[in-house]
N, C-alpha and C. Protein backbone atom coordinates (compact mmCIF):
# COMPACT_ATOMS: atom_id res chain seq x y z
N UNK A 1 160.31 311.60 54.46
CA UNK A 1 158.89 311.34 54.33
C UNK A 1 158.70 309.91 53.86
N UNK A 2 157.69 309.30 54.38
CA UNK A 2 157.36 307.93 54.01
C UNK A 2 155.96 307.93 53.40
N UNK A 3 155.84 307.39 52.20
CA UNK A 3 154.54 307.24 51.56
C UNK A 3 153.95 305.89 51.95
N UNK A 4 152.69 305.88 52.34
CA UNK A 4 151.98 304.64 52.63
C UNK A 4 150.75 304.64 51.73
N UNK A 5 150.70 303.71 50.78
CA UNK A 5 149.70 303.78 49.74
C UNK A 5 149.28 302.41 49.24
N UNK A 6 148.15 302.36 48.56
CA UNK A 6 147.72 301.13 47.90
C UNK A 6 148.25 301.07 46.48
N UNK A 7 148.77 302.18 45.98
CA UNK A 7 149.34 302.22 44.62
C UNK A 7 150.79 301.76 44.72
N UNK A 8 151.05 300.51 44.32
CA UNK A 8 152.36 299.94 44.57
C UNK A 8 152.97 299.32 43.31
N UNK A 9 152.63 299.87 42.15
CA UNK A 9 153.27 299.41 40.91
C UNK A 9 154.63 300.09 40.80
N UNK A 10 155.52 299.53 39.99
CA UNK A 10 156.86 300.11 39.81
C UNK A 10 156.77 301.59 39.43
N UNK A 11 155.86 301.91 38.54
CA UNK A 11 155.69 303.31 38.10
C UNK A 11 155.33 304.21 39.28
N UNK A 12 154.42 303.75 40.12
CA UNK A 12 153.99 304.53 41.28
C UNK A 12 155.15 304.75 42.25
N UNK A 13 155.92 303.69 42.49
CA UNK A 13 157.06 303.77 43.39
C UNK A 13 158.08 304.77 42.86
N UNK A 14 158.40 304.67 41.57
CA UNK A 14 159.38 305.59 40.97
C UNK A 14 158.92 307.03 41.05
N UNK A 15 157.65 307.28 40.79
CA UNK A 15 157.12 308.64 40.87
C UNK A 15 157.17 309.16 42.31
N UNK A 16 156.84 308.31 43.26
CA UNK A 16 156.88 308.72 44.66
C UNK A 16 158.29 309.05 45.13
N UNK A 17 159.25 308.21 44.74
CA UNK A 17 160.63 308.46 45.14
C UNK A 17 161.16 309.72 44.46
N UNK A 18 160.78 309.94 43.20
CA UNK A 18 161.20 311.15 42.49
C UNK A 18 160.59 312.40 43.12
N UNK A 19 159.43 312.25 43.75
CA UNK A 19 158.77 313.38 44.40
C UNK A 19 159.39 313.71 45.75
N UNK A 20 160.32 312.86 46.21
CA UNK A 20 161.03 313.19 47.44
C UNK A 20 160.77 312.28 48.62
N UNK A 21 159.99 311.22 48.44
CA UNK A 21 159.77 310.30 49.55
C UNK A 21 161.04 309.52 49.85
N UNK A 22 161.31 309.28 51.13
CA UNK A 22 162.45 308.47 51.56
C UNK A 22 162.14 306.99 51.38
N UNK A 23 160.88 306.63 51.57
CA UNK A 23 160.44 305.25 51.41
C UNK A 23 159.02 305.25 50.86
N UNK A 24 158.68 304.20 50.15
CA UNK A 24 157.37 304.07 49.53
C UNK A 24 156.84 302.70 49.93
N UNK A 25 155.92 302.66 50.88
CA UNK A 25 155.47 301.40 51.47
C UNK A 25 154.05 301.05 51.06
N UNK A 26 153.83 299.75 50.94
CA UNK A 26 152.50 299.25 50.63
C UNK A 26 151.62 299.39 51.87
N UNK A 27 150.43 299.94 51.68
CA UNK A 27 149.50 300.16 52.78
C UNK A 27 149.16 298.84 53.47
N UNK A 28 149.07 298.90 54.78
CA UNK A 28 148.66 297.80 55.63
C UNK A 28 149.70 296.69 55.76
N UNK A 29 150.96 296.99 55.50
CA UNK A 29 152.03 296.02 55.75
C UNK A 29 152.73 296.48 57.03
N UNK A 30 152.21 296.05 58.16
CA UNK A 30 152.67 296.54 59.46
C UNK A 30 154.16 296.28 59.69
N UNK A 31 154.63 295.09 59.37
CA UNK A 31 156.04 294.76 59.59
C UNK A 31 156.95 295.67 58.77
N UNK A 32 156.60 295.88 57.52
CA UNK A 32 157.40 296.75 56.66
C UNK A 32 157.40 298.18 57.20
N UNK A 33 156.26 298.67 57.64
CA UNK A 33 156.16 300.02 58.18
C UNK A 33 157.04 300.19 59.42
N UNK A 34 156.96 299.26 60.35
CA UNK A 34 157.75 299.36 61.57
C UNK A 34 159.25 299.26 61.29
N UNK A 35 159.64 298.41 60.36
CA UNK A 35 161.06 298.30 59.98
C UNK A 35 161.57 299.61 59.39
N UNK A 36 160.76 300.24 58.54
CA UNK A 36 161.19 301.50 57.92
C UNK A 36 161.29 302.61 58.95
N UNK A 37 160.35 302.68 59.87
CA UNK A 37 160.41 303.69 60.93
C UNK A 37 161.68 303.51 61.75
N UNK A 38 162.00 302.26 62.08
CA UNK A 38 163.23 301.98 62.83
C UNK A 38 164.46 302.44 62.06
N UNK A 39 164.51 302.18 60.77
CA UNK A 39 165.65 302.61 59.94
C UNK A 39 165.78 304.13 59.94
N UNK A 40 164.66 304.83 59.81
CA UNK A 40 164.70 306.29 59.77
C UNK A 40 165.12 306.87 61.11
N UNK A 41 164.67 306.27 62.20
CA UNK A 41 165.08 306.74 63.53
C UNK A 41 166.58 306.55 63.71
N UNK A 42 167.07 305.38 63.35
CA UNK A 42 168.50 305.10 63.49
C UNK A 42 169.34 305.98 62.57
N UNK A 43 168.85 306.27 61.38
CA UNK A 43 169.57 307.15 60.45
C UNK A 43 169.69 308.55 61.04
N UNK A 44 168.66 309.00 61.72
CA UNK A 44 168.67 310.32 62.33
C UNK A 44 169.64 310.44 63.50
N UNK A 45 170.00 309.32 64.09
CA UNK A 45 170.92 309.31 65.22
C UNK A 45 172.38 309.37 64.78
N UNK A 46 172.63 309.18 63.50
CA UNK A 46 174.02 309.15 63.00
C UNK A 46 174.60 310.53 62.90
């Protein structure tokens, strides 16, 4: 699961990752989002 949010403080990231997210991305960062999707797709192919 990938979280896409405007809450991007260290505390928020840590809580999101502890809740089970694979990645915690800042909302509206298109390049970061596409890179993470690519990583997850490639990880699934392994």
